[in-house]
Amino acid sequence: MADTAATADSSTTNDSDHDSGGLRRRDVLGIPANVAAVSAAGVGGLVVLYPLISQMAPSADVLAASTTDVDLSSIEAGQGITAVFRKQPLFVRKLTPKEIAEADAVPLSELRDPETLEERTKEGRKEWLITMGVCTHLGCVPLGITSEQNRGDYGGYFCPCHGSQYDTAARIRKGPAPKNLVVPDYKFDTDTKITVG
């Protein structure tokens, strides 16, 4: 009988059930099944999330409207043009040496929103002033992009809605507007072309 118990005991501890680390065969076979289940759940999650995330990407027409190219070749000193950037007016003005000197002569202590002309233009291109054509008071479009329009007391821009006046660097000098005209992000692609946005 003792021999039968020893035989039964040895049959339960068969080498085929254990590897050298003490794991049973079913434990070893269960690891890949767990990994496969987790991987399948992860892939399934990605399949479900991808359409939700991709629909948040901007459409082609929105991407096209996010930048504006402006040709500078026809703008003469002392003049400017109005372009459109993100459905708002964009002022592109070429300053004269006199307008640059007037802007540089203003002490920053006199300004409500102190910025130098250098801070509002690109390095080496001080004559090009690019700003949004929207008054920072209530959003009217100021006059003064061309020399034939009213440029106010400071030679820059004049807002006809409530009388805000900006100097030749488009900095607020008089009236209710709290801030200077906004300078958007832009870069020079060539000497005669900029991309805004």
N, C-alpha and C. Protein backbone atom coordinates (compact mmCIF):
# COMPACT_ATOMS: atom_id res chain seq x y z
N MET A 1 0.81 -1.18 0.00
CA MET A 1 0.00 0.00 0.00
C MET A 1 0.86 1.25 0.00
N ALA A 2 1.97 1.19 0.77
CA ALA A 2 2.89 2.32 0.78
C ALA A 2 3.47 2.53 -0.59
N ASP A 3 3.65 1.43 -1.32
CA ASP A 3 4.15 1.55 -2.69
C ASP A 3 3.15 2.25 -3.59
N THR A 4 1.86 2.00 -3.39
CA THR A 4 0.83 2.65 -4.21
C THR A 4 0.78 4.14 -3.92
N ALA A 5 0.95 4.52 -2.67
CA ALA A 5 0.92 5.95 -2.31
C ALA A 5 2.12 6.65 -2.91
N ALA A 6 3.26 6.00 -2.90
CA ALA A 6 4.45 6.62 -3.47
C ALA A 6 4.30 6.77 -4.96
N THR A 7 3.64 5.77 -5.60
CA THR A 7 3.42 5.86 -7.04
C THR A 7 2.45 6.97 -7.36
N ALA A 8 1.39 7.11 -6.60
CA ALA A 8 0.41 8.18 -6.82
C ALA A 8 1.04 9.53 -6.60
N ASP A 9 1.91 9.61 -5.58
CA ASP A 9 2.57 10.88 -5.30
C ASP A 9 3.50 11.27 -6.43
N SER A 10 4.22 10.31 -6.96
CA SER A 10 5.15 10.62 -8.04
C SER A 10 4.42 10.97 -9.32
N SER A 11 3.19 10.48 -9.51
CA SER A 11 2.45 10.80 -10.73
C SER A 11 1.94 12.23 -10.70
N THR A 12 1.70 12.81 -9.52
CA THR A 12 1.22 14.19 -9.44
C THR A 12 2.36 15.17 -9.59
N THR A 13 3.57 14.74 -9.35
CA THR A 13 4.72 15.64 -9.49
C THR A 13 5.53 15.27 -10.70
N ASN A 14 4.88 15.02 -11.78
CA ASN A 14 5.53 14.64 -13.03
C ASN A 14 6.34 15.82 -13.56
N ASP A 15 7.49 15.57 -14.17
CA ASP A 15 8.34 16.62 -14.72
C ASP A 15 7.64 17.39 -15.83
N SER A 16 6.69 16.77 -16.50
CA SER A 16 6.01 17.47 -17.58
C SER A 16 5.09 18.57 -17.05
N ASP A 17 4.68 18.51 -15.79
CA ASP A 17 3.83 19.54 -15.20
C ASP A 17 4.63 20.73 -14.68
N HIS A 18 5.92 20.58 -14.44
CA HIS A 18 6.74 21.67 -13.87
C HIS A 18 7.95 21.91 -14.74
N ASP A 19 8.35 23.16 -14.86
CA ASP A 19 9.63 23.45 -15.48
C ASP A 19 10.63 23.69 -14.37
N SER A 20 11.83 24.06 -14.68
CA SER A 20 12.87 24.20 -13.66
C SER A 20 12.56 25.35 -12.69
N GLY A 21 11.71 26.30 -13.06
CA GLY A 21 11.40 27.43 -12.18
C GLY A 21 10.22 27.15 -11.28
N GLY A 22 9.60 26.03 -11.37
CA GLY A 22 8.50 25.68 -10.51
C GLY A 22 7.14 26.08 -11.07
N LEU A 23 7.04 26.54 -12.30
CA LEU A 23 5.76 26.90 -12.88
C LEU A 23 5.08 25.67 -13.46
N ARG A 24 3.76 25.65 -13.37
CA ARG A 24 3.01 24.57 -13.97
C ARG A 24 2.73 24.89 -15.43
N ARG A 25 2.48 23.90 -16.21
CA ARG A 25 2.25 24.07 -17.64
C ARG A 25 1.09 25.02 -17.90
N ARG A 26 0.02 24.89 -17.15
CA ARG A 26 -1.13 25.77 -17.39
C ARG A 26 -0.79 27.23 -17.06
N ASP A 27 0.16 27.47 -16.10
CA ASP A 27 0.58 28.84 -15.82
C ASP A 27 1.33 29.43 -17.01
N VAL A 28 2.19 28.61 -17.58
CA VAL A 28 2.98 29.06 -18.73
C VAL A 28 2.08 29.31 -19.93
N LEU A 29 1.12 28.45 -20.15
CA LEU A 29 0.20 28.62 -21.27
C LEU A 29 -0.75 29.80 -21.04
N GLY A 30 -1.02 30.16 -19.80
CA GLY A 30 -1.94 31.25 -19.48
C GLY A 30 -1.34 32.63 -19.71
N ILE A 31 -0.03 32.78 -19.66
CA ILE A 31 0.61 34.09 -19.84
C ILE A 31 0.36 34.64 -21.24
N PRO A 32 0.60 33.88 -22.30
CA PRO A 32 0.31 34.41 -23.63
C PRO A 32 -1.17 34.74 -23.82
N ALA A 33 -2.05 34.00 -23.21
CA ALA A 33 -3.48 34.28 -23.33
C ALA A 33 -3.81 35.63 -22.69
N ASN A 34 -3.20 35.92 -21.55
CA ASN A 34 -3.42 37.21 -20.89
C ASN A 34 -2.88 38.36 -21.72
N VAL A 35 -1.68 38.17 -22.25
CA VAL A 35 -1.07 39.20 -23.10
C VAL A 35 -1.92 39.43 -24.34
N ALA A 36 -2.41 38.38 -24.93
CA ALA A 36 -3.24 38.49 -26.12
C ALA A 36 -4.54 39.22 -25.80
N ALA A 37 -5.12 38.94 -24.65
CA ALA A 37 -6.38 39.60 -24.26
C ALA A 37 -6.16 41.10 -24.05
N VAL A 38 -5.08 41.46 -23.37
CA VAL A 38 -4.79 42.88 -23.12
C VAL A 38 -4.47 43.58 -24.44
N SER A 39 -3.72 42.93 -25.32
CA SER A 39 -3.39 43.53 -26.62
C SER A 39 -4.64 43.74 -27.45
N ALA A 40 -5.53 42.76 -27.45
CA ALA A 40 -6.77 42.89 -28.22
C ALA A 40 -7.62 44.03 -27.68
N ALA A 41 -7.66 44.17 -26.37
CA ALA A 41 -8.43 45.28 -25.77
C ALA A 41 -7.81 46.62 -26.15
N GLY A 42 -6.48 46.70 -26.15
CA GLY A 42 -5.81 47.95 -26.54
C GLY A 42 -6.07 48.31 -27.98
N VAL A 43 -5.97 47.34 -28.88
CA VAL A 43 -6.25 47.59 -30.30
C VAL A 43 -7.70 47.97 -30.50
N GLY A 44 -8.59 47.29 -29.80
CA GLY A 44 -10.01 47.62 -29.89
C GLY A 44 -10.29 49.04 -29.42
N GLY A 45 -9.62 49.44 -28.35
CA GLY A 45 -9.77 50.81 -27.85
C GLY A 45 -9.30 51.83 -28.87
N LEU A 46 -8.17 51.57 -29.52
CA LEU A 46 -7.67 52.48 -30.55
C LEU A 46 -8.62 52.57 -31.74
N VAL A 47 -9.19 51.43 -32.13
CA VAL A 47 -10.13 51.42 -33.24
C VAL A 47 -11.36 52.27 -32.93
N VAL A 48 -11.79 52.23 -31.69
CA VAL A 48 -12.95 53.03 -31.27
C VAL A 48 -12.60 54.51 -31.16
N LEU A 49 -11.41 54.82 -30.62
CA LEU A 49 -11.03 56.22 -30.38
C LEU A 49 -10.59 56.97 -31.63
N TYR A 50 -10.00 56.29 -32.61
CA TYR A 50 -9.46 56.97 -33.78
C TYR A 50 -10.50 57.85 -34.50
N PRO A 51 -11.69 57.36 -34.81
CA PRO A 51 -12.66 58.23 -35.49
C PRO A 51 -13.07 59.43 -34.64
N LEU A 52 -13.16 59.22 -33.32
CA LEU A 52 -13.53 60.33 -32.44
C LEU A 52 -12.47 61.42 -32.42
N ILE A 53 -11.21 61.00 -32.37
CA ILE A 53 -10.11 61.98 -32.33
C ILE A 53 -9.92 62.63 -33.69
N SER A 54 -9.99 61.84 -34.78
CA SER A 54 -9.73 62.40 -36.11
C SER A 54 -10.80 63.40 -36.53
N GLN A 55 -12.01 63.29 -36.02
CA GLN A 55 -13.05 64.26 -36.39
C GLN A 55 -12.79 65.63 -35.78
N MET A 56 -11.93 65.70 -34.76
CA MET A 56 -11.59 66.98 -34.15
C MET A 56 -10.51 67.74 -34.94
N ALA A 57 -9.86 67.10 -35.88
CA ALA A 57 -8.84 67.76 -36.69
C ALA A 57 -9.50 68.79 -37.60
N PRO A 58 -8.84 69.94 -37.82
CA PRO A 58 -9.44 70.96 -38.68
C PRO A 58 -9.57 70.49 -40.12
N SER A 59 -10.64 70.90 -40.77
CA SER A 59 -10.87 70.52 -42.16
C SER A 59 -9.95 71.33 -43.08
N ALA A 60 -9.90 70.94 -44.34
CA ALA A 60 -9.00 71.59 -45.31
C ALA A 60 -9.32 73.06 -45.47
N ASP A 61 -10.60 73.44 -45.47
CA ASP A 61 -10.94 74.85 -45.64
C ASP A 61 -10.54 75.68 -44.42
N VAL A 62 -10.60 75.07 -43.24
CA VAL A 62 -10.17 75.78 -42.03
C VAL A 62 -8.66 75.96 -42.05
N LEU A 63 -7.93 74.93 -42.44
CA LEU A 63 -6.47 75.04 -42.53
C LEU A 63 -6.06 76.09 -43.56
N ALA A 64 -6.77 76.17 -44.66
CA ALA A 64 -6.46 77.16 -45.69
C ALA A 64 -6.69 78.58 -45.18
N ALA A 65 -7.70 78.76 -44.34
CA ALA A 65 -8.01 80.09 -43.81
C ALA A 65 -7.12 80.47 -42.63
N SER A 66 -6.32 79.54 -42.14
CA SER A 66 -5.51 79.83 -40.96
C SER A 66 -4.27 80.66 -41.27
N THR A 67 -3.90 80.78 -42.54
CA THR A 67 -2.79 81.65 -42.94
C THR A 67 -3.23 82.52 -44.11
N THR A 68 -2.55 83.64 -44.23
CA THR A 68 -2.81 84.56 -45.34
C THR A 68 -1.47 85.01 -45.91
N ASP A 69 -1.32 84.93 -47.22
CA ASP A 69 -0.12 85.43 -47.90
C ASP A 69 -0.42 86.83 -48.42
N VAL A 70 0.53 87.74 -48.22
CA VAL A 70 0.35 89.11 -48.67
C VAL A 70 1.54 89.52 -49.53
N ASP A 71 1.24 90.05 -50.73
CA ASP A 71 2.27 90.56 -51.64
C ASP A 71 2.54 92.02 -51.28
N LEU A 72 3.79 92.34 -50.98
CA LEU A 72 4.17 93.69 -50.55
C LEU A 72 4.69 94.56 -51.69
N SER A 73 4.87 93.98 -52.85
CA SER A 73 5.58 94.67 -53.93
C SER A 73 4.89 95.96 -54.40
N SER A 74 3.59 96.06 -54.27
CA SER A 74 2.89 97.24 -54.78
C SER A 74 2.67 98.33 -53.72
N ILE A 75 3.12 98.11 -52.49
CA ILE A 75 2.88 99.07 -51.41
C ILE A 75 4.03 100.07 -51.36
N GLU A 76 3.67 101.33 -51.50
CA GLU A 76 4.67 102.40 -51.47
C GLU A 76 4.80 102.96 -50.06
N ALA A 77 5.94 103.58 -49.77
CA ALA A 77 6.18 104.17 -48.45
C ALA A 77 5.10 105.20 -48.13
N GLY A 78 4.57 105.13 -46.92
CA GLY A 78 3.51 106.05 -46.50
C GLY A 78 2.11 105.52 -46.80
N GLN A 79 2.04 104.38 -47.47
CA GLN A 79 0.74 103.79 -47.84
C GLN A 79 0.61 102.40 -47.22
N GLY A 80 -0.56 101.84 -47.39
CA GLY A 80 -0.80 100.49 -46.88
C GLY A 80 -1.97 99.86 -47.60
N ILE A 81 -2.21 98.62 -47.29
CA ILE A 81 -3.35 97.91 -47.85
C ILE A 81 -4.08 97.20 -46.71
N THR A 82 -5.32 96.86 -46.98
CA THR A 82 -6.09 96.05 -46.05
C THR A 82 -6.29 94.68 -46.67
N ALA A 83 -5.80 93.65 -45.99
CA ALA A 83 -6.01 92.27 -46.41
C ALA A 83 -6.99 91.64 -45.43
N VAL A 84 -7.25 90.36 -45.59
CA VAL A 84 -8.14 89.65 -44.67
C VAL A 84 -7.38 88.48 -44.06
N PHE A 85 -7.43 88.40 -42.75
CA PHE A 85 -6.80 87.30 -42.03
C PHE A 85 -7.81 86.76 -41.02
N ARG A 86 -8.18 85.51 -41.19
CA ARG A 86 -9.18 84.85 -40.33
C ARG A 86 -10.46 85.68 -40.21
N LYS A 87 -10.91 86.14 -41.35
CA LYS A 87 -12.16 86.90 -41.49
C LYS A 87 -12.14 88.25 -40.80
N GLN A 88 -10.95 88.77 -40.52
CA GLN A 88 -10.82 90.11 -39.94
C GLN A 88 -9.87 90.93 -40.79
N PRO A 89 -10.03 92.28 -40.76
CA PRO A 89 -9.12 93.11 -41.54
C PRO A 89 -7.70 93.07 -40.99
N LEU A 90 -6.76 93.06 -41.92
CA LEU A 90 -5.34 93.06 -41.60
C LEU A 90 -4.72 94.26 -42.27
N PHE A 91 -4.07 95.13 -41.49
CA PHE A 91 -3.41 96.32 -42.03
C PHE A 91 -1.94 96.01 -42.30
N VAL A 92 -1.51 96.25 -43.53
CA VAL A 92 -0.11 96.09 -43.92
C VAL A 92 0.35 97.46 -44.42
N ARG A 93 1.22 98.09 -43.68
CA ARG A 93 1.62 99.48 -43.97
C ARG A 93 3.13 99.60 -44.05
N LYS A 94 3.58 100.35 -45.07
CA LYS A 94 5.01 100.62 -45.23
C LYS A 94 5.28 102.03 -44.72
N LEU A 95 6.00 102.11 -43.61
CA LEU A 95 6.26 103.40 -42.97
C LEU A 95 7.36 104.17 -43.70
N THR A 96 7.23 105.49 -43.70
CA THR A 96 8.28 106.36 -44.26
C THR A 96 9.36 106.54 -43.19
N PRO A 97 10.55 107.00 -43.59
CA PRO A 97 11.57 107.30 -42.59
C PRO A 97 11.08 108.31 -41.54
N LYS A 98 10.26 109.27 -41.97
CA LYS A 98 9.71 110.26 -41.03
C LYS A 98 8.78 109.59 -40.01
N GLU A 99 7.93 108.67 -40.47
CA GLU A 99 7.01 107.97 -39.56
C GLU A 99 7.78 107.08 -38.58
N ILE A 100 8.85 106.47 -39.05
CA ILE A 100 9.70 105.64 -38.17
C ILE A 100 10.34 106.53 -37.11
N ALA A 101 10.86 107.68 -37.52
CA ALA A 101 11.50 108.62 -36.58
C ALA A 101 10.49 109.12 -35.55
N GLU A 102 9.26 109.41 -35.99
CA GLU A 102 8.22 109.87 -35.05
C GLU A 102 7.91 108.78 -34.03
N ALA A 103 7.82 107.54 -34.47
CA ALA A 103 7.53 106.44 -33.55
C ALA A 103 8.67 106.23 -32.56
N ASP A 104 9.92 106.34 -33.05
CA ASP A 104 11.08 106.14 -32.19
C ASP A 104 11.26 107.27 -31.18
N ALA A 105 10.75 108.45 -31.49
CA ALA A 105 10.93 109.62 -30.62
C ALA A 105 9.98 109.63 -29.41
N VAL A 106 8.98 108.78 -29.42
CA VAL A 106 7.99 108.78 -28.33
C VAL A 106 8.56 108.05 -27.10
N PRO A 107 8.63 108.75 -25.95
CA PRO A 107 9.08 108.07 -24.73
C PRO A 107 8.06 107.00 -24.31
N LEU A 108 8.54 105.86 -23.92
CA LEU A 108 7.64 104.77 -23.52
C LEU A 108 6.77 105.17 -22.32
N SER A 109 7.25 106.10 -21.51
CA SER A 109 6.48 106.53 -20.34
C SER A 109 5.19 107.25 -20.73
N GLU A 110 5.10 107.74 -21.97
CA GLU A 110 3.90 108.41 -22.45
C GLU A 110 2.86 107.44 -23.00
N LEU A 111 3.20 106.18 -23.10
CA LEU A 111 2.32 105.21 -23.75
C LEU A 111 1.49 104.42 -22.75
N ARG A 112 0.23 104.25 -23.07
CA ARG A 112 -0.69 103.45 -22.25
C ARG A 112 -0.29 101.97 -22.29
N ASP A 113 0.12 101.51 -23.46
CA ASP A 113 0.54 100.13 -23.67
C ASP A 113 1.95 100.18 -24.26
N PRO A 114 2.97 100.33 -23.39
CA PRO A 114 4.33 100.62 -23.88
C PRO A 114 4.98 99.50 -24.69
N GLU A 115 5.28 99.82 -25.94
CA GLU A 115 6.05 98.94 -26.84
C GLU A 115 6.83 99.82 -27.80
N THR A 116 8.04 99.41 -28.12
CA THR A 116 8.82 100.14 -29.11
C THR A 116 8.42 99.67 -30.51
N LEU A 117 8.78 100.46 -31.51
CA LEU A 117 8.53 100.06 -32.90
C LEU A 117 9.29 98.76 -33.21
N GLU A 118 10.50 98.63 -32.67
CA GLU A 118 11.28 97.40 -32.89
C GLU A 118 10.55 96.17 -32.38
N GLU A 119 9.85 96.31 -31.26
CA GLU A 119 9.11 95.17 -30.70
C GLU A 119 7.88 94.83 -31.55
N ARG A 120 7.41 95.78 -32.34
CA ARG A 120 6.20 95.58 -33.13
C ARG A 120 6.49 95.22 -34.59
N THR A 121 7.76 95.18 -34.96
CA THR A 121 8.15 94.85 -36.34
C THR A 121 9.24 93.77 -36.29
N LYS A 122 9.56 93.23 -37.46
CA LYS A 122 10.62 92.22 -37.55
C LYS A 122 11.99 92.90 -37.65
N GLU A 123 12.99 92.23 -37.13
CA GLU A 123 14.34 92.78 -37.14
C GLU A 123 14.81 93.07 -38.56
N GLY A 124 15.33 94.27 -38.77
CA GLY A 124 15.82 94.68 -40.08
C GLY A 124 14.73 95.10 -41.05
N ARG A 125 13.47 95.08 -40.62
CA ARG A 125 12.34 95.44 -41.49
C ARG A 125 11.40 96.38 -40.75
N LYS A 126 11.99 97.38 -40.15
CA LYS A 126 11.25 98.34 -39.32
C LYS A 126 10.20 99.11 -40.10
N GLU A 127 10.36 99.20 -41.41
CA GLU A 127 9.41 99.98 -42.22
C GLU A 127 8.09 99.24 -42.44
N TRP A 128 8.04 97.93 -42.17
CA TRP A 128 6.82 97.15 -42.40
C TRP A 128 6.07 96.95 -41.09
N LEU A 129 4.91 97.59 -40.99
CA LEU A 129 4.07 97.47 -39.80
C LEU A 129 2.84 96.64 -40.17
N ILE A 130 2.74 95.46 -39.58
CA ILE A 130 1.62 94.56 -39.86
C ILE A 130 0.80 94.42 -38.58
N THR A 131 -0.46 94.84 -38.63
CA THR A 131 -1.35 94.78 -37.46
C THR A 131 -2.74 94.33 -37.88
N MET A 132 -3.50 93.87 -36.92
CA MET A 132 -4.91 93.61 -37.16
C MET A 132 -5.60 94.96 -37.28
N GLY A 133 -6.55 95.06 -38.20
CA GLY A 133 -7.27 96.32 -38.41
C GLY A 133 -8.53 96.39 -37.57
N VAL A 134 -8.38 96.10 -36.29
CA VAL A 134 -9.52 96.06 -35.39
C VAL A 134 -9.17 96.88 -34.15
N CYS A 135 -9.96 97.91 -33.87
CA CYS A 135 -9.74 98.75 -32.69
C CYS A 135 -9.88 97.89 -31.44
N THR A 136 -8.99 98.10 -30.48
CA THR A 136 -9.00 97.28 -29.27
C THR A 136 -10.04 97.75 -28.26
N HIS A 137 -10.83 98.76 -28.63
CA HIS A 137 -11.90 99.20 -27.74
C HIS A 137 -13.13 98.32 -27.93
N LEU A 138 -13.82 98.48 -29.05
CA LEU A 138 -15.02 97.67 -29.29
C LEU A 138 -15.03 96.99 -30.65
N GLY A 139 -13.88 96.93 -31.32
CA GLY A 139 -13.79 96.14 -32.54
C GLY A 139 -14.14 96.84 -33.83
N CYS A 140 -14.23 98.17 -33.85
CA CYS A 140 -14.46 98.89 -35.11
C CYS A 140 -13.18 98.84 -35.95
N VAL A 141 -13.31 99.19 -37.23
CA VAL A 141 -12.16 99.23 -38.12
C VAL A 141 -11.66 100.67 -38.20
N PRO A 142 -10.44 100.94 -37.73
CA PRO A 142 -9.91 102.31 -37.78
C PRO A 142 -9.60 102.77 -39.20
N LEU A 143 -9.55 104.06 -39.38
CA LEU A 143 -9.14 104.69 -40.64
C LEU A 143 -7.64 104.96 -40.57
N GLY A 144 -7.03 105.16 -41.74
CA GLY A 144 -5.63 105.57 -41.78
C GLY A 144 -4.70 104.64 -42.53
N ILE A 145 -5.22 103.59 -43.11
CA ILE A 145 -4.33 102.67 -43.84
C ILE A 145 -3.76 103.35 -45.08
N THR A 146 -4.48 104.30 -45.65
CA THR A 146 -3.93 105.10 -46.75
C THR A 146 -3.80 106.54 -46.27
N SER A 147 -2.94 107.29 -46.92
CA SER A 147 -2.70 108.68 -46.49
C SER A 147 -3.91 109.58 -46.75
N GLU A 148 -4.85 109.17 -47.58
CA GLU A 148 -6.04 109.97 -47.85
C GLU A 148 -7.06 109.89 -46.71
N GLN A 149 -6.94 108.90 -45.85
CA GLN A 149 -7.88 108.73 -44.74
C GLN A 149 -7.42 109.51 -43.52
N ASN A 150 -8.35 109.76 -42.62
CA ASN A 150 -8.05 110.44 -41.36
C ASN A 150 -7.14 109.57 -40.51
N ARG A 151 -5.95 110.07 -40.19
CA ARG A 151 -4.99 109.33 -39.38
C ARG A 151 -4.91 109.87 -37.95
N GLY A 152 -5.78 110.82 -37.60
CA GLY A 152 -5.80 111.34 -36.24
C GLY A 152 -4.63 112.27 -35.95
N ASP A 153 -4.50 112.62 -34.68
CA ASP A 153 -3.48 113.59 -34.23
C ASP A 153 -2.07 113.02 -34.25
N TYR A 154 -1.92 111.71 -34.33
CA TYR A 154 -0.60 111.09 -34.19
C TYR A 154 -0.10 110.43 -35.48
N GLY A 155 -0.84 110.63 -36.57
CA GLY A 155 -0.39 110.15 -37.88
C GLY A 155 -0.49 108.65 -38.10
N GLY A 156 -1.19 107.95 -37.22
CA GLY A 156 -1.30 106.51 -37.37
C GLY A 156 -2.68 106.10 -37.84
N TYR A 157 -3.54 105.79 -36.90
CA TYR A 157 -4.90 105.35 -37.20
C TYR A 157 -5.88 106.10 -36.31
N PHE A 158 -7.09 106.29 -36.85
CA PHE A 158 -8.16 106.96 -36.12
C PHE A 158 -9.41 106.08 -36.18
N CYS A 159 -9.97 105.76 -35.02
CA CYS A 159 -11.18 104.95 -35.00
C CYS A 159 -12.40 105.88 -34.99
N PRO A 160 -13.22 105.84 -36.03
CA PRO A 160 -14.35 106.76 -36.11
C PRO A 160 -15.49 106.43 -35.15
N CYS A 161 -15.49 105.25 -34.57
CA CYS A 161 -16.60 104.87 -33.68
C CYS A 161 -16.57 105.64 -32.36
N HIS A 162 -15.42 105.65 -31.68
CA HIS A 162 -15.35 106.30 -30.37
C HIS A 162 -14.12 107.19 -30.20
N GLY A 163 -13.41 107.44 -31.30
CA GLY A 163 -12.33 108.42 -31.26
C GLY A 163 -10.97 107.94 -30.79
N SER A 164 -10.72 106.66 -30.71
CA SER A 164 -9.39 106.19 -30.34
C SER A 164 -8.39 106.57 -31.42
N GLN A 165 -7.20 106.99 -30.98
CA GLN A 165 -6.16 107.41 -31.94
C GLN A 165 -4.86 106.66 -31.66
N TYR A 166 -4.25 106.21 -32.73
CA TYR A 166 -3.02 105.41 -32.66
C TYR A 166 -1.91 106.15 -33.40
N ASP A 167 -0.67 105.96 -32.95
CA ASP A 167 0.45 106.63 -33.62
C ASP A 167 0.96 105.82 -34.80
N THR A 168 2.11 106.24 -35.35
CA THR A 168 2.62 105.59 -36.57
C THR A 168 3.10 104.16 -36.32
N ALA A 169 3.24 103.74 -35.06
CA ALA A 169 3.56 102.35 -34.73
C ALA A 169 2.30 101.59 -34.31
N ALA A 170 1.11 102.19 -34.55
CA ALA A 170 -0.19 101.61 -34.20
C ALA A 170 -0.33 101.38 -32.69
N ARG A 171 0.27 102.32 -31.91
CA ARG A 171 0.16 102.26 -30.45
C ARG A 171 -0.92 103.24 -30.00
N ILE A 172 -1.73 102.85 -29.05
CA ILE A 172 -2.82 103.71 -28.58
C ILE A 172 -2.25 104.95 -27.89
N ARG A 173 -2.78 106.11 -28.29
CA ARG A 173 -2.30 107.37 -27.72
C ARG A 173 -3.42 108.19 -27.10
N LYS A 174 -4.65 108.00 -27.58
CA LYS A 174 -5.75 108.84 -27.11
C LYS A 174 -7.07 108.10 -27.34
N GLY A 175 -8.02 108.30 -26.44
CA GLY A 175 -9.33 107.66 -26.61
C GLY A 175 -9.49 106.45 -25.71
N PRO A 176 -10.61 105.75 -25.84
CA PRO A 176 -10.94 104.67 -24.91
C PRO A 176 -10.25 103.32 -25.14
N ALA A 177 -9.60 103.12 -26.25
CA ALA A 177 -8.97 101.81 -26.51
C ALA A 177 -7.90 101.52 -25.46
N PRO A 178 -7.91 100.33 -24.87
CA PRO A 178 -6.96 100.02 -23.81
C PRO A 178 -5.58 99.55 -24.30
N LYS A 179 -5.52 99.01 -25.51
CA LYS A 179 -4.29 98.39 -26.00
C LYS A 179 -3.93 98.87 -27.39
N ASN A 180 -2.69 98.62 -27.79
CA ASN A 180 -2.23 98.88 -29.15
C ASN A 180 -2.95 97.95 -30.12
N LEU A 181 -2.94 98.31 -31.41
CA LEU A 181 -3.46 97.37 -32.41
C LEU A 181 -2.60 96.10 -32.35
N VAL A 182 -3.26 94.98 -32.46
CA VAL A 182 -2.59 93.68 -32.29
C VAL A 182 -1.69 93.36 -33.49
N VAL A 183 -0.48 92.93 -33.19
CA VAL A 183 0.45 92.45 -34.22
C VAL A 183 0.33 90.93 -34.26
N PRO A 184 -0.17 90.36 -35.38
CA PRO A 184 -0.30 88.90 -35.46
C PRO A 184 1.05 88.24 -35.73
N ASP A 185 1.09 86.94 -35.59
CA ASP A 185 2.30 86.19 -35.98
C ASP A 185 2.43 86.25 -37.50
N TYR A 186 3.61 86.55 -37.98
CA TYR A 186 3.85 86.57 -39.42
C TYR A 186 5.33 86.37 -39.67
N LYS A 187 5.65 86.03 -40.91
CA LYS A 187 7.06 85.87 -41.30
C LYS A 187 7.24 86.35 -42.72
N PHE A 188 8.44 86.78 -43.03
CA PHE A 188 8.80 87.17 -44.39
C PHE A 188 9.25 85.93 -45.14
N ASP A 189 8.55 85.60 -46.22
CA ASP A 189 8.97 84.50 -47.09
C ASP A 189 10.04 84.98 -48.05
N THR A 190 9.84 86.18 -48.58
CA THR A 190 10.82 86.85 -49.44
C THR A 190 10.78 88.33 -49.04
N ASP A 191 11.54 89.16 -49.76
CA ASP A 191 11.52 90.61 -49.48
C ASP A 191 10.17 91.22 -49.82
N THR A 192 9.39 90.57 -50.66
CA THR A 192 8.12 91.15 -51.10
C THR A 192 6.90 90.29 -50.78
N LYS A 193 7.07 89.32 -49.87
CA LYS A 193 5.93 88.47 -49.54
C LYS A 193 6.01 88.04 -48.07
N ILE A 194 4.84 88.15 -47.38
CA ILE A 194 4.76 87.68 -46.01
C ILE A 194 3.65 86.62 -45.90
N THR A 195 3.79 85.77 -44.91
CA THR A 195 2.73 84.83 -44.56
C THR A 195 2.32 85.15 -43.13
N VAL A 196 1.04 85.42 -42.95
CA VAL A 196 0.49 85.76 -41.65
C VAL A 196 -0.20 84.53 -41.10
N GLY A 197 0.07 84.22 -39.85
CA GLY A 197 -0.55 83.07 -39.20
C GLY A 197 0.38 81.90 -39.06
